[in-house]
Amino acid sequence: MNKELIRIINQVFEMEKKIGTRPEMSTLLRNIERIKAALEEMGLSYHNPSGEKYSETRTDCEANIVGDLQAKMIISDVIKPVIFEKTDSTGRVIIQKAVVLVEKQSNE
């Protein structure tokens, strides 16, 4: 896999995260969606696992634990997304694990 493409995907992910926190920049989302569509045409996609449950058996993430490891942990922030490459034989493979922050899930 081309390392430059992985860097581009990580930058697109960062832009998408920043746009999410700044409503005045939401007009750029259409451009981000076009970039994501072009990546998918090249057989690449990414996933933001923010808010998902985390367990030590999860193989698509490299986690930094905030506090003590608890039974119910949640992904609170994503530094880098999971990146997949489409293949003919297996469907898709992980070419980059997500780098995430994990903390105790609140009991709300």
PDB file of N, CA and C in Angstrom:
ATOM      1  N   MET A   1       0.845  -1.188   0.000  1.00  0.00           N
ATOM      2  CA  MET A   1       0.000   0.000   0.000  1.00  0.00           C
ATOM      3  C   MET A   1       0.879   1.236   0.000  1.00  0.00           C
ATOM      4  N   ASN A   2       0.465   2.186  -0.723  1.00  0.00           N
ATOM      5  CA  ASN A   2       1.155   3.450  -0.872  1.00  0.00           C
ATOM      6  C   ASN A   2       1.071   4.258   0.431  1.00  0.00           C
ATOM      7  N   LYS A   3       2.219   4.521   1.068  1.00  0.00           N
ATOM      8  CA  LYS A   3       2.251   5.261   2.334  1.00  0.00           C
ATOM      9  C   LYS A   3       1.689   6.676   2.182  1.00  0.00           C
ATOM     10  N   GLU A   4       1.889   7.252   1.011  1.00  0.00           N
ATOM     11  CA  GLU A   4       1.392   8.610   0.782  1.00  0.00           C
ATOM     12  C   GLU A   4      -0.133   8.641   0.820  1.00  0.00           C
ATOM     13  N   LEU A   5      -0.776   7.598   0.265  1.00  0.00           N
ATOM     14  CA  LEU A   5      -2.247   7.534   0.310  1.00  0.00           C
ATOM     15  C   LEU A   5      -2.749   7.405   1.743  1.00  0.00           C
ATOM     16  N   ILE A   6      -2.060   6.641   2.555  1.00  0.00           N
ATOM     17  CA  ILE A   6      -2.445   6.506   3.964  1.00  0.00           C
ATOM     18  C   ILE A   6      -2.334   7.864   4.657  1.00  0.00           C
ATOM     19  N   ARG A   7      -1.275   8.600   4.368  1.00  0.00           N
ATOM     20  CA  ARG A   7      -1.129   9.944   4.959  1.00  0.00           C
ATOM     21  C   ARG A   7      -2.251  10.860   4.501  1.00  0.00           C
ATOM     22  N   ILE A   8      -2.627  10.778   3.224  1.00  0.00           N
ATOM     23  CA  ILE A   8      -3.730  11.597   2.707  1.00  0.00           C
ATOM     24  C   ILE A   8      -5.031  11.240   3.415  1.00  0.00           C
ATOM     25  N   ILE A   9      -5.303   9.954   3.574  1.00  0.00           N
ATOM     26  CA  ILE A   9      -6.528   9.517   4.262  1.00  0.00           C
ATOM     27  C   ILE A   9      -6.543  10.038   5.686  1.00  0.00           C
ATOM     28  N   ASN A  10      -5.416   9.961   6.380  1.00  0.00           N
ATOM     29  CA  ASN A  10      -5.353  10.472   7.756  1.00  0.00           C
ATOM     30  C   ASN A  10      -5.615  11.972   7.807  1.00  0.00           C
ATOM     31  N   GLN A  11      -5.148  12.721   6.803  1.00  0.00           N
ATOM     32  CA  GLN A  11      -5.402  14.160   6.761  1.00  0.00           C
ATOM     33  C   GLN A  11      -6.864  14.465   6.459  1.00  0.00           C
ATOM     34  N   VAL A  12      -7.478  13.693   5.561  1.00  0.00           N
ATOM     35  CA  VAL A  12      -8.906  13.873   5.273  1.00  0.00           C
ATOM     36  C   VAL A  12      -9.717  13.602   6.541  1.00  0.00           C
ATOM     37  N   PHE A  13      -9.342  12.553   7.272  1.00  0.00           N
ATOM     38  CA  PHE A  13     -10.015  12.228   8.532  1.00  0.00           C
ATOM     39  C   PHE A  13      -9.888  13.387   9.521  1.00  0.00           C
ATOM     40  N   GLU A  14      -8.692  13.958   9.639  1.00  0.00           N
ATOM     41  CA  GLU A  14      -8.478  15.094  10.539  1.00  0.00           C
ATOM     42  C   GLU A  14      -9.340  16.293  10.137  1.00  0.00           C
ATOM     43  N   MET A  15      -9.418  16.560   8.839  1.00  0.00           N
ATOM     44  CA  MET A  15     -10.253  17.670   8.367  1.00  0.00           C
ATOM     45  C   MET A  15     -11.716  17.414   8.711  1.00  0.00           C
ATOM     46  N   GLU A  16     -12.169  16.187   8.508  1.00  0.00           N
ATOM     47  CA  GLU A  16     -13.551  15.829   8.804  1.00  0.00           C
ATOM     48  C   GLU A  16     -13.852  16.016  10.295  1.00  0.00           C
ATOM     49  N   LYS A  17     -12.907  15.626  11.169  1.00  0.00           N
ATOM     50  CA  LYS A  17     -13.086  15.828  12.611  1.00  0.00           C
ATOM     51  C   LYS A  17     -13.188  17.315  12.953  1.00  0.00           C
ATOM     52  N   LYS A  18     -12.308  18.114  12.366  1.00  0.00           N
ATOM     53  CA  LYS A  18     -12.301  19.550  12.661  1.00  0.00           C
ATOM     54  C   LYS A  18     -13.561  20.231  12.152  1.00  0.00           C
ATOM     55  N   ILE A  19     -14.037  19.828  10.993  1.00  0.00           N
ATOM     56  CA  ILE A  19     -15.273  20.391  10.451  1.00  0.00           C
ATOM     57  C   ILE A  19     -16.444  20.074  11.374  1.00  0.00           C
ATOM     58  N   GLY A  20     -16.427  18.875  11.973  1.00  0.00           N
ATOM     59  CA  GLY A  20     -17.495  18.468  12.890  1.00  0.00           C
ATOM     60  C   GLY A  20     -17.599  19.347  14.119  1.00  0.00           C
ATOM     61  N   THR A  21     -16.506  19.976  14.512  1.00  0.00           N
ATOM     62  CA  THR A  21     -16.525  20.838  15.699  1.00  0.00           C
ATOM     63  C   THR A  21     -16.759  22.307  15.357  1.00  0.00           C
ATOM     64  N   ARG A  22     -16.803  22.606  14.063  1.00  0.00           N
ATOM     65  CA  ARG A  22     -16.981  23.999  13.646  1.00  0.00           C
ATOM     66  C   ARG A  22     -18.095  24.077  12.614  1.00  0.00           C
ATOM     67  N   PRO A  23     -19.321  24.294  13.050  1.00  0.00           N
ATOM     68  CA  PRO A  23     -20.475  24.316  12.148  1.00  0.00           C
ATOM     69  C   PRO A  23     -20.333  25.271  10.965  1.00  0.00           C
ATOM     70  N   GLU A  24     -19.602  26.356  11.139  1.00  0.00           N
ATOM     71  CA  GLU A  24     -19.455  27.313  10.039  1.00  0.00           C
ATOM     72  C   GLU A  24     -18.652  26.737   8.868  1.00  0.00           C
ATOM     73  N   MET A  25     -17.984  25.614   9.090  1.00  0.00           N
ATOM     74  CA  MET A  25     -17.198  24.978   8.034  1.00  0.00           C
ATOM     75  C   MET A  25     -17.927  23.793   7.394  1.00  0.00           C
ATOM     76  N   SER A  26     -19.178  23.589   7.746  1.00  0.00           N
ATOM     77  CA  SER A  26     -19.914  22.418   7.281  1.00  0.00           C
ATOM     78  C   SER A  26     -20.076  22.369   5.760  1.00  0.00           C
ATOM     79  N   THR A  27     -19.918  23.497   5.093  1.00  0.00           N
ATOM     80  CA  THR A  27     -20.022  23.498   3.630  1.00  0.00           C
ATOM     81  C   THR A  27     -18.899  22.685   2.985  1.00  0.00           C
ATOM     82  N   LEU A  28     -17.828  22.462   3.720  1.00  0.00           N
ATOM     83  CA  LEU A  28     -16.713  21.668   3.187  1.00  0.00           C
ATOM     84  C   LEU A  28     -16.998  20.166   3.216  1.00  0.00           C
ATOM     85  N   LEU A  29     -18.030  19.750   3.923  1.00  0.00           N
ATOM     86  CA  LEU A  29     -18.335  18.317   4.011  1.00  0.00           C
ATOM     87  C   LEU A  29     -18.600  17.705   2.643  1.00  0.00           C
ATOM     88  N   ARG A  30     -19.201  18.454   1.749  1.00  0.00           N
ATOM     89  CA  ARG A  30     -19.464  17.942   0.402  1.00  0.00           C
ATOM     90  C   ARG A  30     -18.151  17.605  -0.311  1.00  0.00           C
ATOM     91  N   ASN A  31     -17.137  18.449  -0.113  1.00  0.00           N
ATOM     92  CA  ASN A  31     -15.829  18.184  -0.709  1.00  0.00           C
ATOM     93  C   ASN A  31     -15.181  16.942  -0.084  1.00  0.00           C
ATOM     94  N   ILE A  32     -15.334  16.803   1.215  1.00  0.00           N
ATOM     95  CA  ILE A  32     -14.799  15.621   1.911  1.00  0.00           C
ATOM     96  C   ILE A  32     -15.486  14.364   1.373  1.00  0.00           C
ATOM     97  N   GLU A  33     -16.784  14.417   1.190  1.00  0.00           N
ATOM     98  CA  GLU A  33     -17.517  13.262   0.661  1.00  0.00           C
ATOM     99  C   GLU A  33     -17.035  12.895  -0.743  1.00  0.00           C
ATOM    100  N   ARG A  34     -16.709  13.878  -1.544  1.00  0.00           N
ATOM    101  CA  ARG A  34     -16.184  13.613  -2.892  1.00  0.00           C
ATOM    102  C   ARG A  34     -14.824  12.931  -2.816  1.00  0.00           C
ATOM    103  N   ILE A  35     -13.983  13.375  -1.894  1.00  0.00           N
ATOM    104  CA  ILE A  35     -12.668  12.739  -1.707  1.00  0.00           C
ATOM    105  C   ILE A  35     -12.860  11.297  -1.256  1.00  0.00           C
ATOM    106  N   LYS A  36     -13.784  11.082  -0.304  1.00  0.00           N
ATOM    107  CA  LYS A  36     -14.041   9.720   0.179  1.00  0.00           C
ATOM    108  C   LYS A  36     -14.556   8.822  -0.945  1.00  0.00           C
ATOM    109  N   ALA A  37     -15.385   9.358  -1.824  1.00  0.00           N
ATOM    110  CA  ALA A  37     -15.899   8.583  -2.961  1.00  0.00           C
ATOM    111  C   ALA A  37     -14.754   8.205  -3.904  1.00  0.00           C
ATOM    112  N   ALA A  38     -13.840   9.138  -4.141  1.00  0.00           N
ATOM    113  CA  ALA A  38     -12.686   8.845  -4.999  1.00  0.00           C
ATOM    114  C   ALA A  38     -11.804   7.770  -4.369  1.00  0.00           C
ATOM    115  N   LEU A  39     -11.628   7.840  -3.051  1.00  0.00           N
ATOM    116  CA  LEU A  39     -10.845   6.814  -2.355  1.00  0.00           C
ATOM    117  C   LEU A  39     -11.507   5.444  -2.482  1.00  0.00           C
ATOM    118  N   GLU A  40     -12.832   5.420  -2.344  1.00  0.00           N
ATOM    119  CA  GLU A  40     -13.553   4.150  -2.478  1.00  0.00           C
ATOM    120  C   GLU A  40     -13.410   3.577  -3.877  1.00  0.00           C
ATOM    121  N   GLU A  41     -13.377   4.429  -4.892  1.00  0.00           N
ATOM    122  CA  GLU A  41     -13.150   3.959  -6.259  1.00  0.00           C
ATOM    123  C   GLU A  41     -11.767   3.326  -6.400  1.00  0.00           C
ATOM    124  N   MET A  42     -10.831   3.755  -5.554  1.00  0.00           N
ATOM    125  CA  MET A  42      -9.483   3.189  -5.559  1.00  0.00           C
ATOM    126  C   MET A  42      -9.389   1.973  -4.633  1.00  0.00           C
ATOM    127  N   GLY A  43     -10.525   1.585  -4.010  1.00  0.00           N
ATOM    128  CA  GLY A  43     -10.542   0.421  -3.132  1.00  0.00           C
ATOM    129  C   GLY A  43     -10.169   0.705  -1.695  1.00  0.00           C
ATOM    130  N   LEU A  44     -10.217   1.974  -1.291  1.00  0.00           N
ATOM    131  CA  LEU A  44      -9.832   2.368   0.066  1.00  0.00           C
ATOM    132  C   LEU A  44     -11.009   3.003   0.788  1.00  0.00           C
ATOM    133  N   SER A  45     -11.099   2.739   2.078  1.00  0.00           N
ATOM    134  CA  SER A  45     -12.117   3.383   2.908  1.00  0.00           C
ATOM    135  C   SER A  45     -11.577   3.475   4.327  1.00  0.00           C
ATOM    136  N   TYR A  46     -12.222   4.332   5.124  1.00  0.00           N
ATOM    137  CA  TYR A  46     -11.818   4.422   6.531  1.00  0.00           C
ATOM    138  C   TYR A  46     -13.034   4.471   7.421  1.00  0.00           C
ATOM    139  N   HIS A  47     -12.795   4.161   8.701  1.00  0.00           N
ATOM    140  CA  HIS A  47     -13.878   4.100   9.675  1.00  0.00           C
ATOM    141  C   HIS A  47     -13.436   4.798  10.954  1.00  0.00           C
ATOM    142  N   ASN A  48     -14.303   5.638  11.488  1.00  0.00           N
ATOM    143  CA  ASN A  48     -14.073   6.330  12.747  1.00  0.00           C
ATOM    144  C   ASN A  48     -14.826   5.564  13.843  1.00  0.00           C
ATOM    145  N   PRO A  49     -14.112   4.839  14.728  1.00  0.00           N
ATOM    146  CA  PRO A  49     -14.789   4.046  15.752  1.00  0.00           C
ATOM    147  C   PRO A  49     -15.172   4.823  17.013  1.00  0.00           C
ATOM    148  N   SER A  50     -15.159   6.134  16.976  1.00  0.00           N
ATOM    149  CA  SER A  50     -15.486   6.949  18.145  1.00  0.00           C
ATOM    150  C   SER A  50     -16.865   6.593  18.699  1.00  0.00           C
ATOM    151  N   GLY A  51     -16.942   6.423  20.018  1.00  0.00           N
ATOM    152  CA  GLY A  51     -18.204   6.107  20.674  1.00  0.00           C
ATOM    153  C   GLY A  51     -18.515   4.620  20.730  1.00  0.00           C
ATOM    154  N   GLU A  52     -17.731   3.803  20.054  1.00  0.00           N
ATOM    155  CA  GLU A  52     -17.974   2.364  20.076  1.00  0.00           C
ATOM    156  C   GLU A  52     -17.407   1.736  21.342  1.00  0.00           C
ATOM    157  N   LYS A  53     -17.951   0.595  21.711  1.00  0.00           N
ATOM    158  CA  LYS A  53     -17.437  -0.137  22.865  1.00  0.00           C
ATOM    159  C   LYS A  53     -16.048  -0.656  22.557  1.00  0.00           C
ATOM    160  N   TYR A  54     -15.222  -0.745  23.594  1.00  0.00           N
ATOM    161  CA  TYR A  54     -13.861  -1.246  23.435  1.00  0.00           C
ATOM    162  C   TYR A  54     -13.642  -2.421  24.373  1.00  0.00           C
ATOM    163  N   SER A  55     -12.959  -3.429  23.855  1.00  0.00           N
ATOM    164  CA  SER A  55     -12.495  -4.536  24.692  1.00  0.00           C
ATOM    165  C   SER A  55     -11.083  -4.885  24.253  1.00  0.00           C
ATOM    166  N   GLU A  56     -10.351  -5.579  25.108  1.00  0.00           N
ATOM    167  CA  GLU A  56      -8.968  -5.936  24.801  1.00  0.00           C
ATOM    168  C   GLU A  56      -8.867  -6.883  23.616  1.00  0.00           C
ATOM    169  N   THR A  57      -9.953  -7.540  23.262  1.00  0.00           N
ATOM    170  CA  THR A  57      -9.941  -8.485  22.145  1.00  0.00           C
ATOM    171  C   THR A  57     -10.112  -7.796  20.790  1.00  0.00           C
ATOM    172  N   ARG A  58     -10.369  -6.534  20.796  1.00  0.00           N
ATOM    173  CA  ARG A  58     -10.579  -5.785  19.558  1.00  0.00           C
ATOM    174  C   ARG A  58      -9.263  -5.703  18.788  1.00  0.00           C
ATOM    175  N   THR A  59      -9.266  -6.127  17.526  1.00  0.00           N
ATOM    176  CA  THR A  59      -8.033  -6.204  16.742  1.00  0.00           C
ATOM    177  C   THR A  59      -7.854  -5.041  15.764  1.00  0.00           C
ATOM    178  N   ASP A  60      -8.832  -4.165  15.666  1.00  0.00           N
ATOM    179  CA  ASP A  60      -8.735  -3.064  14.707  1.00  0.00           C
ATOM    180  C   ASP A  60      -8.270  -1.757  15.333  1.00  0.00           C
ATOM    181  N   CYS A  61      -7.898  -1.792  16.634  1.00  0.00           N
ATOM    182  CA  CYS A  61      -7.512  -0.567  17.333  1.00  0.00           C
ATOM    183  C   CYS A  61      -6.263  -0.782  18.184  1.00  0.00           C
ATOM    184  N   GLU A  62      -5.452   0.260  18.240  1.00  0.00           N
ATOM    185  CA  GLU A  62      -4.370   0.352  19.205  1.00  0.00           C
ATOM    186  C   GLU A  62      -4.825   1.405  20.205  1.00  0.00           C
ATOM    187  N   ALA A  63      -5.019   0.974  21.460  1.00  0.00           N
ATOM    188  CA  ALA A  63      -5.662   1.855  22.436  1.00  0.00           C
ATOM    189  C   ALA A  63      -4.696   2.395  23.479  1.00  0.00           C
ATOM    190  N   ASN A  64      -4.947   3.640  23.857  1.00  0.00           N
ATOM    191  CA  ASN A  64      -4.335   4.261  25.021  1.00  0.00           C
ATOM    192  C   ASN A  64      -5.458   4.386  26.042  1.00  0.00           C
ATOM    193  N   ILE A  65      -5.284   3.721  27.183  1.00  0.00           N
ATOM    194  CA  ILE A  65      -6.327   3.683  28.211  1.00  0.00           C
ATOM    195  C   ILE A  65      -6.205   4.908  29.104  1.00  0.00           C
ATOM    196  N   VAL A  66      -7.323   5.616  29.295  1.00  0.00           N
ATOM    197  CA  VAL A  66      -7.386   6.751  30.206  1.00  0.00           C
ATOM    198  C   VAL A  66      -7.968   6.223  31.514  1.00  0.00           C
ATOM    199  N   GLY A  67      -7.173   6.254  32.601  1.00  0.00           N
ATOM    200  CA  GLY A  67      -7.623   5.685  33.872  1.00  0.00           C
ATOM    201  C   GLY A  67      -7.344   4.191  33.909  1.00  0.00           C
ATOM    202  N   ASP A  68      -8.092   3.476  34.747  1.00  0.00           N
ATOM    203  CA  ASP A  68      -7.917   2.032  34.900  1.00  0.00           C
ATOM    204  C   ASP A  68      -8.785   1.284  33.909  1.00  0.00           C
ATOM    205  N   LEU A  69      -8.297   0.141  33.462  1.00  0.00           N
ATOM    206  CA  LEU A  69      -9.063  -0.712  32.564  1.00  0.00           C
ATOM    207  C   LEU A  69     -10.271  -1.242  33.317  1.00  0.00           C
ATOM    208  N   GLN A  70     -11.446  -1.023  32.788  1.00  0.00           N
ATOM    209  CA  GLN A  70     -12.704  -1.423  33.405  1.00  0.00           C
ATOM    210  C   GLN A  70     -13.416  -2.415  32.502  1.00  0.00           C
ATOM    211  N   ALA A  71     -14.494  -2.996  33.020  1.00  0.00           N
ATOM    212  CA  ALA A  71     -15.282  -3.948  32.233  1.00  0.00           C
ATOM    213  C   ALA A  71     -15.967  -3.255  31.059  1.00  0.00           C
ATOM    214  N   LYS A  72     -16.486  -2.058  31.286  1.00  0.00           N
ATOM    215  CA  LYS A  72     -17.187  -1.332  30.228  1.00  0.00           C
ATOM    216  C   LYS A  72     -16.369  -0.114  29.827  1.00  0.00           C
ATOM    217  N   MET A  73     -15.685  -0.256  28.688  1.00  0.00           N
ATOM    218  CA  MET A  73     -14.853   0.823  28.171  1.00  0.00           C
ATOM    219  C   MET A  73     -15.432   1.296  26.839  1.00  0.00           C
ATOM    220  N   ILE A  74     -15.194   2.577  26.543  1.00  0.00           N
ATOM    221  CA  ILE A  74     -15.701   3.156  25.298  1.00  0.00           C
ATOM    222  C   ILE A  74     -14.582   3.957  24.641  1.00  0.00           C
ATOM    223  N   ILE A  75     -14.592   3.991  23.322  1.00  0.00           N
ATOM    224  CA  ILE A  75     -13.610   4.785  22.578  1.00  0.00           C
ATOM    225  C   ILE A  75     -14.058   6.239  22.648  1.00  0.00           C
ATOM    226  N   SER A  76     -13.256   7.064  23.321  1.00  0.00           N
ATOM    227  CA  SER A  76     -13.646   8.456  23.541  1.00  0.00           C
ATOM    228  C   SER A  76     -13.050   9.412  22.506  1.00  0.00           C
ATOM    229  N   ASP A  77     -11.947   9.033  21.887  1.00  0.00           N
ATOM    230  CA  ASP A  77     -11.347   9.892  20.866  1.00  0.00           C
ATOM    231  C   ASP A  77     -10.566   9.014  19.890  1.00  0.00           C
ATOM    232  N   VAL A  78     -10.520   9.447  18.651  1.00  0.00           N
ATOM    233  CA  VAL A  78      -9.797   8.713  17.607  1.00  0.00           C
ATOM    234  C   VAL A  78      -8.715   9.624  17.049  1.00  0.00           C
ATOM    235  N   ILE A  79      -7.466   9.169  17.161  1.00  0.00           N
ATOM    236  CA  ILE A  79      -6.334   9.920  16.637  1.00  0.00           C
ATOM    237  C   ILE A  79      -6.144   9.607  15.155  1.00  0.00           C
ATOM    238  N   LYS A  80      -6.222   8.313  14.818  1.00  0.00           N
ATOM    239  CA  LYS A  80      -6.151   7.854  13.427  1.00  0.00           C
ATOM    240  C   LYS A  80      -7.270   6.841  13.214  1.00  0.00           C
ATOM    241  N   PRO A  81      -7.906   6.848  12.050  1.00  0.00           N
ATOM    242  CA  PRO A  81      -9.009   5.919  11.794  1.00  0.00           C
ATOM    243  C   PRO A  81      -8.502   4.538  11.360  1.00  0.00           C
ATOM    244  N   VAL A  82      -9.403   3.560  11.355  1.00  0.00           N
ATOM    245  CA  VAL A  82      -9.114   2.269  10.746  1.00  0.00           C
ATOM    246  C   VAL A  82      -9.174   2.494   9.241  1.00  0.00           C
ATOM    247  N   ILE A  83      -8.160   2.026   8.520  1.00  0.00           N
ATOM    248  CA  ILE A  83      -8.177   2.143   7.061  1.00  0.00           C
ATOM    249  C   ILE A  83      -8.245   0.748   6.460  1.00  0.00           C
ATOM    250  N   PHE A  84      -9.164   0.576   5.521  1.00  0.00           N
ATOM    251  CA  PHE A  84      -9.381  -0.709   4.854  1.00  0.00           C
ATOM    252  C   PHE A  84      -9.003  -0.605   3.387  1.00  0.00           C
ATOM    253  N   GLU A  85      -8.529  -1.735   2.851  1.00  0.00           N
ATOM    254  CA  GLU A  85      -8.303  -1.851   1.415  1.00  0.00           C
ATOM    255  C   GLU A  85      -9.143  -3.008   0.907  1.00  0.00           C
ATOM    256  N   LYS A  86      -9.876  -2.749  -0.160  1.00  0.00           N
ATOM    257  CA  LYS A  86     -10.725  -3.768  -0.764  1.00  0.00           C
ATOM    258  C   LYS A  86      -9.847  -4.760  -1.517  1.00  0.00           C
ATOM    259  N   THR A  87     -10.128  -6.064  -1.318  1.00  0.00           N
ATOM    260  CA  THR A  87      -9.388  -7.098  -2.036  1.00  0.00           C
ATOM    261  C   THR A  87     -10.371  -8.040  -2.716  1.00  0.00           C
ATOM    262  N   ASP A  88      -9.892  -8.717  -3.736  1.00  0.00           N
ATOM    263  CA  ASP A  88     -10.747  -9.669  -4.447  1.00  0.00           C
ATOM    264  C   ASP A  88     -10.993 -10.922  -3.616  1.00  0.00           C
ATOM    265  N   SER A  89      -9.979 -11.384  -2.901  1.00  0.00           N
ATOM    266  CA  SER A  89     -10.081 -12.667  -2.205  1.00  0.00           C
ATOM    267  C   SER A  89     -10.821 -12.598  -0.870  1.00  0.00           C
ATOM    268  N   THR A  90     -10.509 -11.629  -0.020  1.00  0.00           N
ATOM    269  CA  THR A  90     -11.086 -11.594   1.329  1.00  0.00           C
ATOM    270  C   THR A  90     -12.126 -10.505   1.545  1.00  0.00           C
ATOM    271  N   GLY A  91     -12.382  -9.695   0.572  1.00  0.00           N
ATOM    272  CA  GLY A  91     -13.335  -8.607   0.738  1.00  0.00           C
ATOM    273  C   GLY A  91     -12.640  -7.309   1.091  1.00  0.00           C
ATOM    274  N   ARG A  92     -12.067  -7.241   2.296  1.00  0.00           N
ATOM    275  CA  ARG A  92     -11.280  -6.077   2.682  1.00  0.00           C
ATOM    276  C   ARG A  92     -10.334  -6.452   3.813  1.00  0.00           C
ATOM    277  N   VAL A  93      -9.224  -5.766   3.856  1.00  0.00           N
ATOM    278  CA  VAL A  93      -8.216  -5.997   4.889  1.00  0.00           C
ATOM    279  C   VAL A  93      -7.881  -4.669   5.550  1.00  0.00           C
ATOM    280  N   ILE A  94      -7.482  -4.758   6.805  1.00  0.00           N
ATOM    281  CA  ILE A  94      -7.066  -3.564   7.543  1.00  0.00           C
ATOM    282  C   ILE A  94      -5.630  -3.248   7.141  1.00  0.00           C
ATOM    283  N   ILE A  95      -5.411  -2.030   6.671  1.00  0.00           N
ATOM    284  CA  ILE A  95      -4.044  -1.614   6.347  1.00  0.00           C
ATOM    285  C   ILE A  95      -3.509  -0.604   7.362  1.00  0.00           C
ATOM    286  N   GLN A  96      -4.404  -0.102   8.222  1.00  0.00           N
ATOM    287  CA  GLN A  96      -3.987   0.726   9.361  1.00  0.00           C
ATOM    288  C   GLN A  96      -4.985   0.519  10.487  1.00  0.00           C
ATOM    289  N   LYS A  97      -4.468   0.144  11.657  1.00  0.00           N
ATOM    290  CA  LYS A  97      -5.331   0.061  12.837  1.00  0.00           C
ATOM    291  C   LYS A  97      -5.619   1.469  13.333  1.00  0.00           C
ATOM    292  N   ALA A  98      -6.779   1.632  13.940  1.00  0.00           N
ATOM    293  CA  ALA A  98      -7.110   2.921  14.539  1.00  0.00           C
ATOM    294  C   ALA A  98      -6.232   3.146  15.764  1.00  0.00           C
ATOM    295  N   VAL A  99      -5.876   4.383  15.995  1.00  0.00           N
ATOM    296  CA  VAL A  99      -5.193   4.783  17.221  1.00  0.00           C
ATOM    297  C   VAL A  99      -6.232   5.559  18.012  1.00  0.00           C
ATOM    298  N   VAL A 100      -6.590   5.033  19.195  1.00  0.00           N
ATOM    299  CA  VAL A 100      -7.725   5.576  19.936  1.00  0.00           C
ATOM    300  C   VAL A 100      -7.397   5.823  21.402  1.00  0.00           C
ATOM    301  N   LEU A 101      -8.203   6.683  22.024  1.00  0.00           N
ATOM    302  CA  LEU A 101      -8.209   6.861  23.476  1.00  0.00           C
ATOM    303  C   LEU A 101      -9.451   6.168  23.998  1.00  0.00           C
ATOM    304  N   VAL A 102      -9.284   5.417  25.079  1.00  0.00           N
ATOM    305  CA  VAL A 102     -10.364   4.624  25.640  1.00  0.00           C
ATOM    306  C   VAL A 102     -10.520   4.994  27.103  1.00  0.00           C
ATOM    307  N   GLU A 103     -11.785   5.120  27.547  1.00  0.00           N
ATOM    308  CA  GLU A 103     -12.022   5.414  28.961  1.00  0.00           C
ATOM    309  C   GLU A 103     -13.280   4.676  29.436  1.00  0.00           C
ATOM    310  N   LYS A 104     -13.450   4.699  30.741  1.00  0.00           N
ATOM    311  CA  LYS A 104     -14.595   4.021  31.347  1.00  0.00           C
ATOM    312  C   LYS A 104     -15.887   4.606  30.786  1.00  0.00           C
ATOM    313  N   GLN A 105     -16.799   3.711  30.424  1.00  0.00           N
ATOM    314  CA  GLN A 105     -18.100   4.143  29.904  1.00  0.00           C
ATOM    315  C   GLN A 105     -18.928   4.683  31.056  1.00  0.00           C
ATOM    316  N   SER A 106     -19.515   5.871  30.860  1.00  0.00           N
ATOM    317  CA  SER A 106     -20.340   6.453  31.912  1.00  0.00           C
ATOM    318  C   SER A 106     -21.656   5.683  32.010  1.00  0.00           C
ATOM    319  N   ASN A 107     -22.243   5.669  33.172  1.00  0.00           N
ATOM    320  CA  ASN A 107     -23.494   4.935  33.412  1.00  0.00           C
ATOM    321  C   ASN A 107     -24.685   5.856  33.286  1.00  0.00           C
ATOM    322  N   GLU A 108     -24.866   6.448  32.129  1.00  0.00           N
ATOM    323  CA  GLU A 108     -25.992   7.366  31.920  1.00  0.00           C
ATOM    324  C   GLU A 108     -27.205   6.637  31.467  1.00  0.00           C
TER     325      GLU A 108
END
